[in-house]
Amino acid sequence: SGRITLGFLQVAPGADVAKVQAELKEVLPHDVQVLTPAAIIAQAQASFVETKPIGIMMDVGMLIACLVAVTIMIQVLATDIGNRMNEYAVLKAMGFGPFFVYGIGVMQSAILVVGGLLPAVAVSAVVLGIIQERTHLQSGLDLRLSGMALGITLGTAVLASAVVLWRLQRADPAALY
């Protein structure tokens, strides 16, 4: 009951924090961690994200959101490709190769994703900004998080495109006549 579990030391102004940390590690027992404020914050954030239920729920929520996004993209692309099958057949009849024809579908998928991503990032920036303002946690939308969102959405677009574009093989120019 009298054991200390957490202690704070104030380093003198102008002192080298890394040097003080190394000296404390040498003097203190090996089961004692000597952490800087930044390391404590990183450790607490990692604990919340990796081991606490909120972090696990966020991961599961992201997985479900990606699966829903892929399903919606598949439906939209399948409907559009089905409606424009004759146009794809004309492109094949004109001599365009499969990479060009499939490229149209991939570009359409990318345009749909970016068109959905921009308003989502704008709304997310506002919501995360409010959360950061009220909780004082680092939850704002930064360039790294925006890049991850773009990567995930482009990944869902590629997956949806791969599932749907096999239908273009059936675009037969002879069926037009």
C-alpha atoms as a PDB file:
ATOM      1  CA  SER A   1       0.000   0.000   0.000  1.00  0.00           C
ATOM      2  CA  GLY A   2       2.944   2.332   0.505  1.00  0.00           C
ATOM      3  CA  ARG A   3       4.485   1.663  -2.907  1.00  0.00           C
ATOM      4  CA  ILE A   4       4.913   4.472  -5.399  1.00  0.00           C
ATOM      5  CA  THR A   5       3.460   3.682  -8.811  1.00  0.00           C
ATOM      6  CA  LEU A   6       4.047   6.974 -10.591  1.00  0.00           C
ATOM      7  CA  GLY A   7       6.346   9.901  -9.933  1.00  0.00           C
ATOM      8  CA  PHE A   8       7.228  13.097 -11.719  1.00  0.00           C
ATOM      9  CA  LEU A   9      10.525  14.951 -11.779  1.00  0.00           C
ATOM     10  CA  GLN A  10      11.078  18.468 -12.980  1.00  0.00           C
ATOM     11  CA  VAL A  11      14.301  18.877 -14.905  1.00  0.00           C
ATOM     12  CA  ALA A  12      16.247  22.084 -14.351  1.00  0.00           C
ATOM     13  CA  PRO A  13      15.915  24.635 -17.130  1.00  0.00           C
ATOM     14  CA  GLY A  14      18.583  24.124 -19.776  1.00  0.00           C
ATOM     15  CA  ALA A  15      19.358  20.537 -18.733  1.00  0.00           C
ATOM     16  CA  ASP A  16      19.623  17.821 -21.368  1.00  0.00           C
ATOM     17  CA  VAL A  17      16.490  15.693 -20.835  1.00  0.00           C
ATOM     18  CA  ALA A  18      17.907  12.666 -22.678  1.00  0.00           C
ATOM     19  CA  LYS A  19      21.074  12.737 -20.540  1.00  0.00           C
ATOM     20  CA  VAL A  20      19.064  13.015 -17.299  1.00  0.00           C
ATOM     21  CA  GLN A  21      16.834  10.165 -18.456  1.00  0.00           C
ATOM     22  CA  ALA A  22      19.842   7.941 -19.214  1.00  0.00           C
ATOM     23  CA  GLU A  23      21.432   8.706 -15.818  1.00  0.00           C
ATOM     24  CA  LEU A  24      18.182   7.891 -13.990  1.00  0.00           C
ATOM     25  CA  LYS A  25      17.880   4.579 -15.857  1.00  0.00           C
ATOM     26  CA  GLU A  26      21.367   3.623 -14.644  1.00  0.00           C
ATOM     27  CA  VAL A  27      20.647   4.475 -11.001  1.00  0.00           C
ATOM     28  CA  LEU A  28      17.087   3.168 -10.628  1.00  0.00           C
ATOM     29  CA  PRO A  29      16.117  -0.528 -10.535  1.00  0.00           C
ATOM     30  CA  HIS A  30      15.446  -2.215 -13.891  1.00  0.00           C
ATOM     31  CA  ASP A  31      11.692  -2.537 -13.260  1.00  0.00           C
ATOM     32  CA  VAL A  32      11.360   1.279 -13.134  1.00  0.00           C
ATOM     33  CA  GLN A  33      10.532   3.063 -16.355  1.00  0.00           C
ATOM     34  CA  VAL A  34      11.931   6.534 -16.936  1.00  0.00           C
ATOM     35  CA  LEU A  35       9.757   8.274 -19.491  1.00  0.00           C
ATOM     36  CA  THR A  36       9.552  11.746 -20.929  1.00  0.00           C
ATOM     37  CA  PRO A  37       6.153  13.481 -21.029  1.00  0.00           C
ATOM     38  CA  ALA A  38       5.876  12.728 -24.751  1.00  0.00           C
ATOM     39  CA  ALA A  39       6.571   9.021 -24.132  1.00  0.00           C
ATOM     40  CA  ILE A  40       3.935   8.894 -21.376  1.00  0.00           C
ATOM     41  CA  ILE A  41       1.349  10.445 -23.693  1.00  0.00           C
ATOM     42  CA  ALA A  42       2.277   8.041 -26.510  1.00  0.00           C
ATOM     43  CA  GLN A  43       2.044   5.069 -24.127  1.00  0.00           C
ATOM     44  CA  ALA A  44      -1.398   6.174 -22.870  1.00  0.00           C
ATOM     45  CA  GLN A  45      -2.674   6.713 -26.420  1.00  0.00           C
ATOM     46  CA  ALA A  46      -1.379   3.323 -27.512  1.00  0.00           C
ATOM     47  CA  SER A  47      -3.093   1.723 -24.528  1.00  0.00           C
ATOM     48  CA  PHE A  48      -6.434   3.279 -25.433  1.00  0.00           C
ATOM     49  CA  VAL A  49      -6.152   2.368 -29.112  1.00  0.00           C
ATOM     50  CA  GLU A  50      -4.710  -1.156 -28.825  1.00  0.00           C
ATOM     51  CA  THR A  51      -6.019  -2.676 -25.603  1.00  0.00           C
ATOM     52  CA  LYS A  52      -9.040  -0.740 -24.377  1.00  0.00           C
ATOM     53  CA  PRO A  53     -12.497  -1.603 -25.738  1.00  0.00           C
ATOM     54  CA  ILE A  54     -12.842   1.795 -27.417  1.00  0.00           C
ATOM     55  CA  GLY A  55      -9.831   1.129 -29.634  1.00  0.00           C
ATOM     56  CA  ILE A  56     -11.042  -2.348 -30.542  1.00  0.00           C
ATOM     57  CA  MET A  57     -14.520  -1.001 -31.326  1.00  0.00           C
ATOM     58  CA  MET A  58     -13.006   1.701 -33.536  1.00  0.00           C
ATOM     59  CA  ASP A  59     -11.071  -0.947 -35.480  1.00  0.00           C
ATOM     60  CA  VAL A  60     -14.186  -3.100 -35.915  1.00  0.00           C
ATOM     61  CA  GLY A  61     -16.181  -0.023 -36.927  1.00  0.00           C
ATOM     62  CA  MET A  62     -13.594   0.877 -39.575  1.00  0.00           C
ATOM     63  CA  LEU A  63     -13.651  -2.665 -40.942  1.00  0.00           C
ATOM     64  CA  ILE A  64     -17.455  -2.630 -41.190  1.00  0.00           C
ATOM     65  CA  ALA A  65     -17.375   0.825 -42.814  1.00  0.00           C
ATOM     66  CA  CYS A  66     -14.899  -0.430 -45.437  1.00  0.00           C
ATOM     67  CA  LEU A  67     -17.050  -3.488 -46.183  1.00  0.00           C
ATOM     68  CA  VAL A  68     -20.154  -1.311 -46.551  1.00  0.00           C
ATOM     69  CA  ALA A  69     -18.242   1.090 -48.808  1.00  0.00           C
ATOM     70  CA  VAL A  70     -17.063  -1.773 -51.032  1.00  0.00           C
ATOM     71  CA  THR A  71     -20.608  -3.145 -51.236  1.00  0.00           C
ATOM     72  CA  ILE A  72     -22.072   0.228 -52.207  1.00  0.00           C
ATOM     73  CA  MET A  73     -19.314   0.813 -54.761  1.00  0.00           C
ATOM     74  CA  ILE A  74     -19.941  -2.628 -56.273  1.00  0.00           C
ATOM     75  CA  GLN A  75     -23.652  -1.870 -56.613  1.00  0.00           C
ATOM     76  CA  VAL A  76     -23.092   1.543 -58.191  1.00  0.00           C
ATOM     77  CA  LEU A  77     -20.426   0.329 -60.603  1.00  0.00           C
ATOM     78  CA  ALA A  78     -22.344  -2.829 -61.534  1.00  0.00           C
ATOM     79  CA  THR A  79     -25.450  -0.814 -62.343  1.00  0.00           C
ATOM     80  CA  ASP A  80     -23.532   1.724 -64.411  1.00  0.00           C
ATOM     81  CA  ILE A  81     -21.525  -0.883 -66.301  1.00  0.00           C
ATOM     82  CA  GLY A  82     -24.674  -2.902 -66.949  1.00  0.00           C
ATOM     83  CA  ASN A  83     -26.415   0.191 -68.350  1.00  0.00           C
ATOM     84  CA  ARG A  84     -23.449   1.062 -70.572  1.00  0.00           C
ATOM     85  CA  MET A  85     -22.511  -2.424 -71.779  1.00  0.00           C
ATOM     86  CA  ASN A  86     -23.263  -1.471 -75.414  1.00  0.00           C
ATOM     87  CA  GLU A  87     -20.904   1.487 -75.182  1.00  0.00           C
ATOM     88  CA  TYR A  88     -18.111  -0.739 -73.885  1.00  0.00           C
ATOM     89  CA  ALA A  89     -18.821  -3.145 -76.754  1.00  0.00           C
ATOM     90  CA  VAL A  90     -18.463  -0.259 -79.240  1.00  0.00           C
ATOM     91  CA  LEU A  91     -15.102   0.645 -77.704  1.00  0.00           C
ATOM     92  CA  LYS A  92     -13.979  -2.965 -78.142  1.00  0.00           C
ATOM     93  CA  ALA A  93     -15.254  -2.957 -81.753  1.00  0.00           C
ATOM     94  CA  MET A  94     -13.261   0.212 -82.438  1.00  0.00           C
ATOM     95  CA  GLY A  95     -10.109  -1.673 -81.427  1.00  0.00           C
ATOM     96  CA  PHE A  96      -9.469  -0.315 -77.965  1.00  0.00           C
ATOM     97  CA  GLY A  97      -7.637  -2.839 -75.815  1.00  0.00           C
ATOM     98  CA  PRO A  98      -8.799  -4.284 -72.516  1.00  0.00           C
ATOM     99  CA  PHE A  99      -6.527  -1.998 -70.484  1.00  0.00           C
ATOM    100  CA  PHE A 100      -8.220   1.079 -71.949  1.00  0.00           C
ATOM    101  CA  VAL A 101     -11.710  -0.327 -71.462  1.00  0.00           C
ATOM    102  CA  TYR A 102     -10.963  -1.476 -67.897  1.00  0.00           C
ATOM    103  CA  GLY A 103      -9.208   1.824 -67.232  1.00  0.00           C
ATOM    104  CA  ILE A 104     -12.479   3.650 -67.823  1.00  0.00           C
ATOM    105  CA  GLY A 105     -14.128   1.598 -65.092  1.00  0.00           C
ATOM    106  CA  VAL A 106     -11.214   2.119 -62.698  1.00  0.00           C
ATOM    107  CA  MET A 107     -11.246   5.876 -63.342  1.00  0.00           C
ATOM    108  CA  GLN A 108     -14.992   5.994 -62.756  1.00  0.00           C
ATOM    109  CA  SER A 109     -14.484   4.193 -59.470  1.00  0.00           C
ATOM    110  CA  ALA A 110     -11.718   6.596 -58.444  1.00  0.00           C
ATOM    111  CA  ILE A 111     -13.887   9.606 -59.301  1.00  0.00           C
ATOM    112  CA  LEU A 112     -16.741   8.214 -57.206  1.00  0.00           C
ATOM    113  CA  VAL A 113     -14.410   7.625 -54.274  1.00  0.00           C
ATOM    114  CA  VAL A 114     -12.786  11.051 -54.369  1.00  0.00           C
ATOM    115  CA  GLY A 115     -16.219  12.669 -54.798  1.00  0.00           C
ATOM    116  CA  GLY A 116     -17.360  10.940 -51.631  1.00  0.00           C
ATOM    117  CA  LEU A 117     -14.098  11.458 -49.760  1.00  0.00           C
ATOM    118  CA  LEU A 118     -13.968  15.247 -49.996  1.00  0.00           C
ATOM    119  CA  PRO A 119     -17.239  15.956 -48.138  1.00  0.00           C
ATOM    120  CA  ALA A 120     -16.446  13.159 -45.661  1.00  0.00           C
ATOM    121  CA  VAL A 121     -13.049  14.698 -44.855  1.00  0.00           C
ATOM    122  CA  ALA A 122     -14.640  18.128 -44.439  1.00  0.00           C
ATOM    123  CA  VAL A 123     -17.263  16.819 -42.001  1.00  0.00           C
ATOM    124  CA  SER A 124     -14.661  14.711 -40.184  1.00  0.00           C
ATOM    125  CA  ALA A 125     -12.376  17.722 -39.756  1.00  0.00           C
ATOM    126  CA  VAL A 126     -15.185  19.663 -38.086  1.00  0.00           C
ATOM    127  CA  VAL A 127     -16.241  16.762 -35.828  1.00  0.00           C
ATOM    128  CA  LEU A 128     -12.666  15.871 -34.828  1.00  0.00           C
ATOM    129  CA  GLY A 129     -11.913  19.548 -34.203  1.00  0.00           C
ATOM    130  CA  ILE A 130     -14.884  19.798 -31.834  1.00  0.00           C
ATOM    131  CA  ILE A 131     -13.785  16.619 -30.046  1.00  0.00           C
ATOM    132  CA  GLN A 132     -10.243  17.956 -29.699  1.00  0.00           C
ATOM    133  CA  GLU A 133     -11.496  21.308 -28.403  1.00  0.00           C
ATOM    134  CA  ARG A 134     -13.754  19.750 -25.765  1.00  0.00           C
ATOM    135  CA  THR A 135     -11.558  16.853 -24.606  1.00  0.00           C
ATOM    136  CA  HIS A 136      -8.082  18.352 -25.160  1.00  0.00           C
ATOM    137  CA  LEU A 137      -7.030  15.069 -26.784  1.00  0.00           C
ATOM    138  CA  GLN A 138      -5.004  15.006 -29.977  1.00  0.00           C
ATOM    139  CA  SER A 139      -7.852  14.027 -32.281  1.00  0.00           C
ATOM    140  CA  GLY A 140      -7.669  16.682 -34.979  1.00  0.00           C
ATOM    141  CA  LEU A 141      -7.509  15.808 -38.660  1.00  0.00           C
ATOM    142  CA  ASP A 142      -3.928  16.063 -39.855  1.00  0.00           C
ATOM    143  CA  LEU A 143      -2.185  15.292 -43.135  1.00  0.00           C
ATOM    144  CA  ARG A 144      -1.251  11.740 -42.039  1.00  0.00           C
ATOM    145  CA  LEU A 145      -4.833  10.859 -41.157  1.00  0.00           C
ATOM    146  CA  SER A 146      -6.121  12.418 -44.387  1.00  0.00           C
ATOM    147  CA  GLY A 147      -3.576  10.390 -46.359  1.00  0.00           C
ATOM    148  CA  MET A 148      -4.653   7.204 -44.612  1.00  0.00           C
ATOM    149  CA  ALA A 149      -8.287   7.972 -45.444  1.00  0.00           C
ATOM    150  CA  LEU A 150      -7.373   8.536 -49.092  1.00  0.00           C
ATOM    151  CA  GLY A 151      -5.408   5.280 -49.186  1.00  0.00           C
ATOM    152  CA  ILE A 152      -8.234   3.284 -47.629  1.00  0.00           C
ATOM    153  CA  THR A 153     -10.843   4.754 -49.959  1.00  0.00           C
ATOM    154  CA  LEU A 154      -8.706   4.164 -53.036  1.00  0.00           C
ATOM    155  CA  GLY A 155      -8.183   0.582 -51.823  1.00  0.00           C
ATOM    156  CA  THR A 156     -11.944   0.096 -51.578  1.00  0.00           C
ATOM    157  CA  ALA A 157     -12.308   1.545 -55.077  1.00  0.00           C
ATOM    158  CA  VAL A 158      -9.763  -0.869 -56.519  1.00  0.00           C
ATOM    159  CA  LEU A 159     -11.418  -3.811 -54.765  1.00  0.00           C
ATOM    160  CA  ALA A 160     -14.878  -2.815 -55.992  1.00  0.00           C
ATOM    161  CA  SER A 161     -13.530  -2.257 -59.508  1.00  0.00           C
ATOM    162  CA  ALA A 162     -11.862  -5.660 -59.568  1.00  0.00           C
ATOM    163  CA  VAL A 163     -15.116  -7.334 -58.544  1.00  0.00           C
ATOM    164  CA  VAL A 164     -17.239  -5.523 -61.136  1.00  0.00           C
ATOM    165  CA  LEU A 165     -14.973  -5.126 -64.164  1.00  0.00           C
ATOM    166  CA  TRP A 166     -15.004  -8.833 -65.016  1.00  0.00           C
ATOM    167  CA  ARG A 167     -18.437  -8.120 -66.534  1.00  0.00           C
ATOM    168  CA  LEU A 168     -16.749  -6.102 -69.289  1.00  0.00           C
ATOM    169  CA  GLN A 169     -15.443  -9.329 -70.790  1.00  0.00           C
ATOM    170  CA  ARG A 170     -19.025 -10.008 -71.832  1.00  0.00           C
ATOM    171  CA  ALA A 171     -19.224  -6.795 -73.839  1.00  0.00           C
ATOM    172  CA  ASP A 172     -19.444  -8.405 -77.261  1.00  0.00           C
ATOM    173  CA  PRO A 173     -19.386  -6.087 -80.302  1.00  0.00           C
ATOM    174  CA  ALA A 174     -21.240  -8.723 -82.383  1.00  0.00           C
ATOM    175  CA  ALA A 175     -24.212  -8.556 -79.986  1.00  0.00           C
ATOM    176  CA  LEU A 176     -24.879  -4.984 -81.055  1.00  0.00           C
ATOM    177  CA  TYR A 177     -26.172  -6.030 -84.482  1.00  0.00           C
END
